[in-house]
Amino acid sequence: MMARRFLLLVALLLPVVPALAADGSTRTDAIDLTLLLAPPPAAGSPAALDDLQAVLVVQSARTTADDKAAKADAERSAFRFADVLGPGLTADALPRTAAFFKRVNKLDKVTVDAAKSFWHHPRPAEVSDQVHPLSVEKPGDWSYPSGHATFGYTTAVLLANMLPEKRTAIFDRAALYARHRVVMGVHFPSDVEAGRIAGTVIAAQLLRDPAWQADFLAARDELRKALALTPATGG
C-alpha cells in the first residue's frame, strides 16, 4: 500500500517532456523516466552478473510451450489480456477500446524510447554469447527499460481501473506478459522491473489527465458492456 501511494505521489510531481496526446498531437506530457528510474546495472557489477545469470537460468528451463507463449506475447496489444478477461474480446468487436490502447502504446513508446536512448543499455545477447534469444531485435533498440513490460503494466493499471472486478487476474497477466521478455532472452529482469515502475506511473498520469478522460471512459463502457458487467458509475 505504501509503495502504491508513493508511486501516485511521484506521478503528481513528475518532470515532463513533450510527447503524444490521446488524439495524436503533442499536448500530453510524457514522463522523463531518466529522472525517475534508477540507472541499469553497471557492466560487470554484481547486479549485472546476477541479471545475466537469471536470463540463463530461465533460458535453460524454457519449454516449447514457454517459447510459443512468449513469442505470442511479443505483440504489443491490450488484447493479449483477453485470455483473463473473457471470450470474444477482439479489436474488431471493440473499436473504442482498440483505439484507446493504440494511443496508449504510442505514448508508452515515445516515453520509453527516450530513456533507452539515454542509457544505451545492451540486450542480453550483446552481453553474452551464451544467450540465445527467440527473436532478433532492431539495431539500436536498447534494453532498459523494457518497452513491452512498460506497455503491459500501463495496460494493466488502466484495465484494472476499467474492470476492478478482474484486478487480480489482470495484474497476474501483466506479470506473465512482462516475464515473457526474459523468456524470449531479449531483456534482463532489471529491464522488466523498470518497465513495471514506468508503466505504473504512466498509467497514473493518464488517469488524471483530462485530455484522456473521454477516450478512457468510452473504452471502459464499451469493454464492460462486452463482458456483460454492471455499467460503471461516475467519470
Protein backbone atom coordinates (compact mmCIF):
# COMPACT_ATOMS: atom_id res chain seq x y z
CA MET A 1 0.00 0.00 0.00
CA MET A 2 2.82 2.41 0.90
CA ALA A 3 4.58 1.68 -2.41
CA ARG A 4 1.38 2.36 -4.33
CA ARG A 5 0.86 5.69 -2.58
CA PHE A 6 4.48 6.62 -3.26
CA LEU A 7 4.13 5.96 -6.98
CA LEU A 8 0.96 8.01 -7.19
CA LEU A 9 2.64 10.88 -5.35
CA VAL A 10 5.59 10.70 -7.73
CA ALA A 11 3.18 10.82 -10.67
CA LEU A 12 1.81 14.13 -9.38
CA LEU A 13 5.28 15.66 -9.19
CA LEU A 14 6.84 14.24 -12.33
CA PRO A 15 9.13 16.26 -14.60
CA VAL A 16 7.74 16.07 -18.11
CA VAL A 17 8.74 16.32 -21.75
CA PRO A 18 6.51 16.79 -24.86
CA ALA A 19 5.01 13.62 -26.32
CA LEU A 20 1.87 12.27 -27.95
CA ALA A 21 -1.58 13.20 -26.75
CA ALA A 22 -4.62 10.97 -26.89
CA ASP A 23 -5.56 12.46 -30.24
CA GLY A 24 -2.06 12.01 -31.66
CA SER A 25 -0.97 15.61 -31.05
CA THR A 26 1.80 16.76 -28.70
CA ARG A 27 -0.36 18.22 -25.92
CA THR A 28 0.03 15.45 -23.38
CA ASP A 29 3.30 15.36 -21.46
CA ALA A 30 5.34 12.19 -21.12
CA ILE A 31 7.23 11.21 -18.03
CA ASP A 32 11.00 11.67 -18.17
CA LEU A 33 11.98 8.20 -16.98
CA THR A 34 15.64 9.15 -16.68
CA LEU A 35 14.68 11.32 -13.70
CA LEU A 36 12.53 8.64 -12.11
CA LEU A 37 14.16 5.24 -12.63
CA ALA A 38 17.43 4.08 -11.15
CA PRO A 39 20.15 3.54 -13.79
CA PRO A 40 20.51 -0.01 -15.12
CA PRO A 41 23.16 -2.24 -13.51
CA ALA A 42 26.67 -1.20 -14.49
CA ALA A 43 28.58 -3.56 -16.78
CA GLY A 44 30.49 -6.16 -14.80
CA SER A 45 28.83 -5.27 -11.50
CA PRO A 46 27.41 -7.98 -9.20
CA ALA A 47 23.91 -6.80 -10.09
CA ALA A 48 24.66 -7.12 -13.82
CA LEU A 49 26.09 -10.60 -13.35
CA ASP A 50 23.01 -11.64 -11.37
CA ASP A 51 20.83 -10.20 -14.15
CA LEU A 52 22.64 -12.27 -16.79
CA GLN A 53 22.54 -15.40 -14.67
CA ALA A 54 18.77 -15.03 -14.26
CA VAL A 55 18.36 -14.90 -18.05
CA LEU A 56 20.48 -18.02 -18.47
CA VAL A 57 18.50 -19.90 -15.80
CA VAL A 58 15.22 -19.06 -17.49
CA GLN A 59 16.68 -19.99 -20.87
CA SER A 60 17.79 -23.41 -19.61
CA ALA A 61 14.34 -24.16 -18.22
CA ARG A 62 12.12 -22.90 -21.04
CA THR A 63 9.91 -25.42 -22.83
CA THR A 64 8.37 -25.47 -26.27
CA ALA A 65 5.16 -24.21 -24.68
CA ASP A 66 7.06 -21.39 -22.98
CA ASP A 67 8.64 -20.42 -26.29
CA LYS A 68 5.26 -20.33 -28.02
CA ALA A 69 3.60 -18.27 -25.28
CA ALA A 70 6.49 -15.82 -25.10
CA LYS A 71 6.54 -15.31 -28.85
CA ALA A 72 2.78 -14.68 -28.86
CA ASP A 73 3.20 -12.03 -26.16
CA ALA A 74 5.72 -10.19 -28.32
CA GLU A 75 2.63 -8.48 -29.76
CA ARG A 76 2.06 -5.14 -28.04
CA SER A 77 -1.70 -5.24 -27.72
CA ALA A 78 -4.15 -4.91 -24.86
CA PHE A 79 -5.98 -7.84 -26.40
CA ARG A 80 -3.20 -10.13 -25.18
CA PHE A 81 -5.10 -9.79 -21.88
CA ALA A 82 -8.27 -11.25 -23.39
CA ASP A 83 -7.48 -14.69 -22.00
CA VAL A 84 -8.13 -13.45 -18.45
CA LEU A 85 -10.95 -11.01 -19.25
CA GLY A 86 -13.48 -13.03 -21.17
CA PRO A 87 -14.30 -14.60 -24.55
CA GLY A 88 -14.91 -12.70 -27.74
CA LEU A 89 -12.73 -9.69 -27.00
CA THR A 90 -11.18 -8.57 -30.28
CA ALA A 91 -10.10 -5.25 -31.75
CA ASP A 92 -12.80 -5.53 -34.42
CA ALA A 93 -15.51 -6.09 -31.82
CA LEU A 94 -14.25 -3.27 -29.55
CA PRO A 95 -13.14 -0.37 -31.75
CA ARG A 96 -13.11 2.25 -28.98
CA THR A 97 -11.05 0.04 -26.71
CA ALA A 98 -8.67 -0.78 -29.55
CA ALA A 99 -8.23 2.90 -30.46
CA PHE A 100 -7.61 3.92 -26.84
CA PHE A 101 -4.89 1.35 -26.22
CA LYS A 102 -3.30 2.02 -29.59
CA ARG A 103 -2.82 5.62 -28.45
CA VAL A 104 -1.53 4.41 -25.09
CA ASN A 105 1.02 2.30 -26.93
CA LYS A 106 2.23 5.34 -28.87
CA LEU A 107 2.72 7.36 -25.70
CA ASP A 108 4.48 4.46 -23.98
CA LYS A 109 6.85 4.02 -26.90
CA VAL A 110 7.82 7.71 -27.04
CA THR A 111 8.46 7.73 -23.30
CA VAL A 112 10.46 4.50 -23.18
CA ASP A 113 12.48 5.19 -26.31
CA ALA A 114 13.78 8.42 -24.79
CA ALA A 115 15.00 6.53 -21.73
CA LYS A 116 16.53 3.73 -23.81
CA SER A 117 18.43 6.25 -25.89
CA PHE A 118 19.72 7.92 -22.73
CA TRP A 119 21.07 4.76 -21.07
CA HIS A 120 22.18 2.70 -24.11
CA HIS A 121 21.96 -0.49 -22.06
CA PRO A 122 22.80 -3.58 -24.19
CA ARG A 123 20.47 -6.53 -24.52
CA PRO A 124 21.39 -9.93 -23.04
CA ALA A 125 22.67 -11.43 -26.32
CA GLU A 126 25.03 -8.46 -26.70
CA VAL A 127 26.42 -9.11 -23.23
CA SER A 128 26.94 -12.88 -23.54
CA ASP A 129 27.06 -15.33 -26.42
CA GLN A 130 25.52 -17.88 -24.06
CA VAL A 131 22.18 -16.14 -24.52
CA HIS A 132 20.11 -17.47 -27.41
CA PRO A 133 17.15 -15.12 -27.90
CA LEU A 134 13.95 -16.22 -29.60
CA SER A 135 13.81 -13.07 -31.71
CA VAL A 136 16.17 -10.57 -33.28
CA GLU A 137 15.55 -7.04 -32.03
CA LYS A 138 16.01 -3.93 -34.13
CA PRO A 139 19.54 -2.45 -34.11
CA GLY A 140 19.78 0.43 -31.67
CA ASP A 141 16.69 -0.67 -29.72
CA TRP A 142 18.26 -0.78 -26.29
CA SER A 143 17.30 -2.95 -23.34
CA TYR A 144 16.48 -0.67 -20.38
CA PRO A 145 13.65 -0.26 -19.59
CA SER A 146 11.60 -2.93 -21.32
CA GLY A 147 9.04 -1.35 -23.63
CA HIS A 148 6.84 -4.43 -23.59
CA ALA A 149 6.86 -4.60 -19.79
CA THR A 150 6.05 -0.89 -19.64
CA PHE A 151 3.13 -1.33 -22.01
CA GLY A 152 1.97 -4.43 -20.14
CA TYR A 153 1.79 -2.61 -16.83
CA THR A 154 0.38 0.61 -18.28
CA THR A 155 -2.34 -1.55 -19.80
CA ALA A 156 -2.87 -3.48 -16.56
CA VAL A 157 -3.39 -0.36 -14.46
CA LEU A 158 -5.83 1.08 -16.99
CA LEU A 159 -7.73 -2.20 -17.41
CA ALA A 160 -7.88 -2.70 -13.65
CA ASN A 161 -9.50 0.72 -13.31
CA MET A 162 -11.99 -0.16 -16.03
CA LEU A 163 -12.64 -3.64 -14.63
CA PRO A 164 -11.90 -3.63 -10.89
CA GLU A 165 -13.68 -6.98 -10.54
CA LYS A 166 -10.83 -8.56 -12.51
CA ARG A 167 -7.93 -6.64 -10.95
CA THR A 168 -6.02 -9.66 -9.61
CA ALA A 169 -6.21 -11.62 -12.86
CA ILE A 170 -5.21 -8.54 -14.86
CA PHE A 171 -2.06 -7.91 -12.81
CA ASP A 172 -1.14 -11.59 -12.85
CA ARG A 173 -1.39 -11.48 -16.64
CA ALA A 174 0.76 -8.35 -16.79
CA ALA A 175 3.45 -10.09 -14.74
CA LEU A 176 3.46 -13.03 -17.15
CA TYR A 177 3.45 -10.72 -20.18
CA ALA A 178 6.49 -8.92 -18.78
CA ARG A 179 8.29 -12.10 -17.72
CA HIS A 180 7.98 -13.42 -21.25
CA ARG A 181 10.55 -10.82 -22.30
CA VAL A 182 13.10 -12.66 -20.15
CA VAL A 183 11.89 -15.99 -21.54
CA MET A 184 12.49 -14.55 -25.01
CA GLY A 185 16.06 -13.78 -23.98
CA VAL A 186 15.71 -10.17 -25.10
CA HIS A 187 15.55 -8.49 -21.68
CA PHE A 188 17.07 -8.74 -18.23
CA PRO A 189 14.89 -8.92 -15.11
CA SER A 190 16.02 -5.38 -14.23
CA ASP A 191 14.61 -4.16 -17.57
CA VAL A 192 11.28 -5.74 -16.74
CA GLU A 193 11.18 -4.31 -13.21
CA ALA A 194 11.92 -0.85 -14.59
CA GLY A 195 9.08 -1.37 -17.05
CA ARG A 196 6.73 -2.25 -14.19
CA ILE A 197 7.52 1.05 -12.46
CA ALA A 198 7.39 3.04 -15.70
CA GLY A 199 4.05 1.55 -16.76
CA THR A 200 2.53 2.25 -13.36
CA VAL A 201 3.43 5.92 -13.33
CA ILE A 202 2.49 6.46 -16.98
CA ALA A 203 -0.95 4.98 -16.32
CA ALA A 204 -1.31 7.11 -13.18
CA GLN A 205 -0.68 10.19 -15.30
CA LEU A 206 -3.21 9.19 -17.94
CA LEU A 207 -5.87 8.52 -15.31
CA ARG A 208 -5.59 12.09 -14.03
CA ASP A 209 -5.13 13.81 -17.41
CA PRO A 210 -8.39 15.43 -18.64
CA ALA A 211 -7.23 15.08 -22.26
CA TRP A 212 -7.53 11.29 -21.93
CA GLN A 213 -10.74 11.02 -19.90
CA ALA A 214 -13.26 10.86 -22.74
CA ASP A 215 -11.42 8.08 -24.54
CA PHE A 216 -10.80 6.18 -21.29
CA LEU A 217 -14.48 6.29 -20.35
CA ALA A 218 -15.60 5.29 -23.84
CA ALA A 219 -13.27 2.28 -23.78
CA ARG A 220 -14.31 1.37 -20.24
CA ASP A 221 -18.02 1.46 -21.04
CA GLU A 222 -17.56 -0.50 -24.28
CA LEU A 223 -15.48 -3.15 -22.53
CA ARG A 224 -17.84 -3.55 -19.58
CA LYS A 225 -20.81 -3.91 -21.90
CA ALA A 226 -18.99 -6.57 -23.95
CA LEU A 227 -18.29 -8.51 -20.74
CA ALA A 228 -21.90 -8.11 -19.53
CA LEU A 229 -20.73 -6.28 -16.40
CA THR A 230 -22.75 -3.71 -14.49
CA PRO A 231 -22.29 -0.26 -16.05
CA ALA A 232 -19.74 1.83 -14.20
CA THR A 233 -20.87 4.92 -12.36
CA GLY A 234 -19.07 8.21 -12.43
CA GLY A 235 -16.27 9.50 -14.62
